[in-house]
Amino acid sequence: MSDPAVAPKTIAASINDTALIPKPTSFTRAFDEWAGSSEYNDILAGNYAKPLPVSAKVKMCPKCGLQYPMTELFCGNDGTPLPVH
């Protein structure tokens, strides 16, 4: 025979578990709405802010990518020799 005091606790626990369901559902709904937006379609089409190209007036470290004035010979971050232009 089961303990009658356990049944309400079991029911309460199952109700609390179902309270978690709306969070993933809300996320999915919000994502679906965004995926149908013009912003999302612009991103897929490649219409978004892109990094600026490296200026010809700087040297870029081949190891870490930091930029330095043309007068620098070594990367101040990792000591890698900078390319000679």
N, C-alpha and C. Protein backbone atom coordinates (compact mmCIF):
# COMPACT_ATOMS: atom_id res chain seq x y z
N MET A 1 0.84 -1.17 0.00
CA MET A 1 0.00 0.00 0.00
C MET A 1 0.89 1.24 0.00
N SER A 2 0.58 2.24 -0.79
CA SER A 2 1.40 3.43 -0.88
C SER A 2 1.00 4.44 0.18
N ASP A 3 1.92 5.26 0.55
CA ASP A 3 1.71 6.30 1.56
C ASP A 3 0.91 7.44 0.94
N PRO A 4 -0.26 7.80 1.49
CA PRO A 4 -1.05 8.87 0.89
C PRO A 4 -0.37 10.23 0.95
N ALA A 5 0.58 10.43 1.82
CA ALA A 5 1.27 11.71 1.92
C ALA A 5 2.25 11.89 0.76
N VAL A 6 2.66 10.79 0.12
CA VAL A 6 3.64 10.86 -0.96
C VAL A 6 2.98 11.35 -2.26
N ALA A 7 1.73 10.99 -2.50
CA ALA A 7 1.04 11.35 -3.74
C ALA A 7 1.02 12.85 -4.00
N PRO A 8 0.65 13.71 -3.03
CA PRO A 8 0.67 15.15 -3.32
C PRO A 8 2.07 15.66 -3.67
N LYS A 9 3.10 15.10 -3.03
CA LYS A 9 4.47 15.52 -3.33
C LYS A 9 4.86 15.12 -4.75
N THR A 10 4.44 13.94 -5.16
CA THR A 10 4.74 13.47 -6.51
C THR A 10 4.05 14.33 -7.55
N ILE A 11 2.78 14.67 -7.30
CA ILE A 11 2.04 15.53 -8.22
C ILE A 11 2.68 16.91 -8.29
N ALA A 12 3.06 17.46 -7.13
CA ALA A 12 3.70 18.78 -7.11
C ALA A 12 5.01 18.76 -7.88
N ALA A 13 5.78 17.70 -7.74
CA ALA A 13 7.06 17.58 -8.45
C ALA A 13 6.82 17.53 -9.95
N SER A 14 5.79 16.81 -10.40
CA SER A 14 5.55 16.72 -11.84
C SER A 14 5.04 18.06 -12.39
N ILE A 15 4.30 18.81 -11.59
CA ILE A 15 3.85 20.13 -12.03
C ILE A 15 5.04 21.07 -12.16
N ASN A 16 5.97 21.01 -11.20
CA ASN A 16 7.17 21.86 -11.27
C ASN A 16 8.03 21.50 -12.47
N ASP A 17 8.10 20.23 -12.83
CA ASP A 17 8.89 19.82 -14.00
C ASP A 17 8.30 20.40 -15.28
N THR A 18 6.98 20.44 -15.38
CA THR A 18 6.36 20.96 -16.60
C THR A 18 6.49 22.48 -16.67
N ALA A 19 6.79 23.14 -15.55
CA ALA A 19 6.97 24.59 -15.57
C ALA A 19 8.22 24.97 -16.36
N LEU A 20 9.12 24.03 -16.58
CA LEU A 20 10.33 24.31 -17.35
C LEU A 20 10.08 24.29 -18.85
N ILE A 21 9.01 23.70 -19.28
CA ILE A 21 8.74 23.55 -20.71
C ILE A 21 8.61 24.89 -21.44
N PRO A 22 7.96 25.91 -20.89
CA PRO A 22 7.83 27.16 -21.65
C PRO A 22 9.14 27.85 -22.00
N LYS A 23 10.20 27.66 -21.21
CA LYS A 23 11.46 28.34 -21.50
C LYS A 23 12.03 27.92 -22.85
N PRO A 24 12.23 26.62 -23.11
CA PRO A 24 12.74 26.24 -24.44
C PRO A 24 11.75 26.60 -25.54
N THR A 25 10.46 26.49 -25.24
CA THR A 25 9.45 26.82 -26.24
C THR A 25 9.51 28.30 -26.58
N SER A 26 9.69 29.15 -25.57
CA SER A 26 9.80 30.59 -25.81
C SER A 26 11.03 30.91 -26.63
N PHE A 27 12.14 30.25 -26.32
CA PHE A 27 13.36 30.47 -27.09
C PHE A 27 13.16 30.07 -28.55
N THR A 28 12.56 28.90 -28.74
CA THR A 28 12.33 28.42 -30.10
C THR A 28 11.41 29.37 -30.87
N ARG A 29 10.37 29.84 -30.22
CA ARG A 29 9.45 30.77 -30.87
C ARG A 29 10.18 32.06 -31.24
N ALA A 30 10.98 32.60 -30.31
CA ALA A 30 11.72 33.84 -30.58
C ALA A 30 12.71 33.64 -31.72
N PHE A 31 13.38 32.48 -31.74
CA PHE A 31 14.33 32.21 -32.81
C PHE A 31 13.61 32.10 -34.15
N ASP A 32 12.48 31.41 -34.17
CA ASP A 32 11.72 31.27 -35.41
C ASP A 32 11.27 32.64 -35.93
N GLU A 33 10.86 33.52 -35.03
CA GLU A 33 10.45 34.86 -35.44
C GLU A 33 11.63 35.63 -36.02
N TRP A 34 12.80 35.52 -35.37
CA TRP A 34 14.00 36.21 -35.86
C TRP A 34 14.44 35.62 -37.20
N ALA A 35 14.34 34.29 -37.34
CA ALA A 35 14.77 33.64 -38.58
C ALA A 35 13.91 34.06 -39.76
N GLY A 36 12.70 34.55 -39.50
CA GLY A 36 11.84 35.02 -40.57
C GLY A 36 11.98 36.51 -40.81
N SER A 37 12.88 37.17 -40.09
CA SER A 37 13.00 38.62 -40.19
C SER A 37 13.91 39.03 -41.34
N SER A 38 13.80 40.29 -41.72
CA SER A 38 14.66 40.82 -42.78
C SER A 38 16.12 40.90 -42.30
N GLU A 39 16.32 41.12 -41.00
CA GLU A 39 17.68 41.17 -40.46
C GLU A 39 18.38 39.83 -40.69
N TYR A 40 17.72 38.75 -40.39
CA TYR A 40 18.29 37.41 -40.57
C TYR A 40 18.57 37.14 -42.05
N ASN A 41 17.63 37.50 -42.90
CA ASN A 41 17.82 37.29 -44.34
C ASN A 41 18.97 38.12 -44.88
N ASP A 42 19.15 39.34 -44.34
CA ASP A 42 20.30 40.16 -44.74
C ASP A 42 21.61 39.49 -44.37
N ILE A 43 21.67 38.92 -43.18
CA ILE A 43 22.89 38.22 -42.74
C ILE A 43 23.19 37.05 -43.67
N LEU A 44 22.16 36.27 -43.97
CA LEU A 44 22.37 35.13 -44.88
C LEU A 44 22.82 35.58 -46.26
N ALA A 45 22.36 36.75 -46.68
CA ALA A 45 22.74 37.27 -48.00
C ALA A 45 24.12 37.94 -47.99
N GLY A 46 24.74 38.03 -46.81
CA GLY A 46 26.07 38.64 -46.72
C GLY A 46 26.04 40.13 -46.52
N ASN A 47 24.88 40.68 -46.21
CA ASN A 47 24.75 42.12 -45.99
C ASN A 47 24.87 42.43 -44.50
N TYR A 48 26.10 42.53 -44.03
CA TYR A 48 26.36 42.86 -42.64
C TYR A 48 27.71 43.57 -42.56
N ALA A 49 27.98 44.19 -41.43
CA ALA A 49 29.24 44.93 -41.27
C ALA A 49 30.41 43.94 -41.32
N LYS A 50 31.34 44.22 -42.20
CA LYS A 50 32.52 43.36 -42.35
C LYS A 50 33.75 44.11 -41.83
N PRO A 51 34.75 43.38 -41.37
CA PRO A 51 35.97 44.05 -40.90
C PRO A 51 36.61 44.87 -42.02
N LEU A 52 37.17 45.98 -41.66
CA LEU A 52 37.85 46.83 -42.63
C LEU A 52 39.13 46.15 -43.09
N PRO A 53 39.51 46.32 -44.35
CA PRO A 53 40.75 45.72 -44.83
C PRO A 53 41.96 46.39 -44.16
N VAL A 54 43.05 45.66 -44.09
CA VAL A 54 44.28 46.19 -43.50
C VAL A 54 44.80 47.32 -44.37
N SER A 55 45.14 48.40 -43.75
CA SER A 55 45.68 49.55 -44.48
C SER A 55 47.08 49.22 -44.97
N ALA A 56 47.47 49.82 -46.08
CA ALA A 56 48.81 49.61 -46.63
C ALA A 56 49.87 50.29 -45.79
N LYS A 57 49.46 51.12 -44.82
CA LYS A 57 50.41 51.87 -44.00
C LYS A 57 50.77 51.15 -42.71
N VAL A 58 50.38 49.89 -42.56
CA VAL A 58 50.70 49.14 -41.34
C VAL A 58 51.25 47.77 -41.71
N LYS A 59 51.93 47.17 -40.73
CA LYS A 59 52.38 45.79 -40.85
C LYS A 59 51.51 44.94 -39.93
N MET A 60 51.22 43.72 -40.34
CA MET A 60 50.42 42.84 -39.51
C MET A 60 51.27 41.65 -39.08
N CYS A 61 51.20 41.33 -37.80
CA CYS A 61 51.93 40.17 -37.28
C CYS A 61 51.31 38.90 -37.88
N PRO A 62 52.14 38.04 -38.50
CA PRO A 62 51.61 36.82 -39.10
C PRO A 62 51.14 35.80 -38.07
N LYS A 63 51.58 35.96 -36.82
CA LYS A 63 51.21 34.99 -35.78
C LYS A 63 49.93 35.39 -35.04
N CYS A 64 49.84 36.65 -34.57
CA CYS A 64 48.69 37.05 -33.75
C CYS A 64 47.74 38.01 -34.45
N GLY A 65 48.16 38.61 -35.58
CA GLY A 65 47.28 39.49 -36.34
C GLY A 65 47.25 40.94 -35.89
N LEU A 66 48.01 41.31 -34.87
CA LEU A 66 48.03 42.71 -34.45
C LEU A 66 48.71 43.57 -35.51
N GLN A 67 48.29 44.83 -35.59
CA GLN A 67 48.84 45.75 -36.59
C GLN A 67 49.83 46.70 -35.94
N TYR A 68 50.88 47.02 -36.69
CA TYR A 68 51.94 47.91 -36.21
C TYR A 68 52.30 48.90 -37.29
N PRO A 69 52.87 50.07 -36.90
CA PRO A 69 53.35 51.03 -37.90
C PRO A 69 54.46 50.40 -38.73
N MET A 70 54.68 50.94 -39.90
CA MET A 70 55.68 50.41 -40.82
C MET A 70 57.09 50.44 -40.24
N THR A 71 57.33 51.27 -39.24
CA THR A 71 58.68 51.39 -38.66
C THR A 71 59.01 50.25 -37.70
N GLU A 72 58.02 49.50 -37.24
CA GLU A 72 58.26 48.41 -36.28
C GLU A 72 58.82 47.19 -36.98
N LEU A 73 59.73 46.50 -36.31
CA LEU A 73 60.35 45.31 -36.88
C LEU A 73 59.83 44.01 -36.27
N PHE A 74 59.37 44.07 -35.00
CA PHE A 74 58.92 42.88 -34.29
C PHE A 74 57.56 43.14 -33.64
N CYS A 75 56.79 42.09 -33.48
CA CYS A 75 55.50 42.18 -32.82
C CYS A 75 55.73 42.41 -31.32
N GLY A 76 55.09 43.42 -30.77
CA GLY A 76 55.21 43.70 -29.35
C GLY A 76 54.47 42.70 -28.49
N ASN A 77 53.60 41.91 -29.09
CA ASN A 77 52.81 40.94 -28.35
C ASN A 77 53.55 39.62 -28.18
N ASP A 78 54.14 39.11 -29.28
CA ASP A 78 54.76 37.78 -29.22
C ASP A 78 56.19 37.73 -29.76
N GLY A 79 56.73 38.86 -30.20
CA GLY A 79 58.13 38.91 -30.64
C GLY A 79 58.37 38.40 -32.05
N THR A 80 57.33 38.04 -32.77
CA THR A 80 57.49 37.55 -34.14
C THR A 80 58.01 38.66 -35.05
N PRO A 81 59.00 38.37 -35.90
CA PRO A 81 59.44 39.38 -36.86
C PRO A 81 58.28 39.78 -37.77
N LEU A 82 58.13 41.09 -37.98
CA LEU A 82 57.07 41.59 -38.84
C LEU A 82 57.56 41.55 -40.28
N PRO A 83 56.65 41.33 -41.24
CA PRO A 83 57.06 41.26 -42.64
C PRO A 83 57.67 42.57 -43.13
N VAL A 84 58.65 42.44 -44.00
CA VAL A 84 59.30 43.61 -44.60
C VAL A 84 58.53 43.95 -45.87
N HIS A 85 58.13 45.21 -45.99
CA HIS A 85 57.35 45.64 -47.17
C HIS A 85 58.20 46.46 -48.09
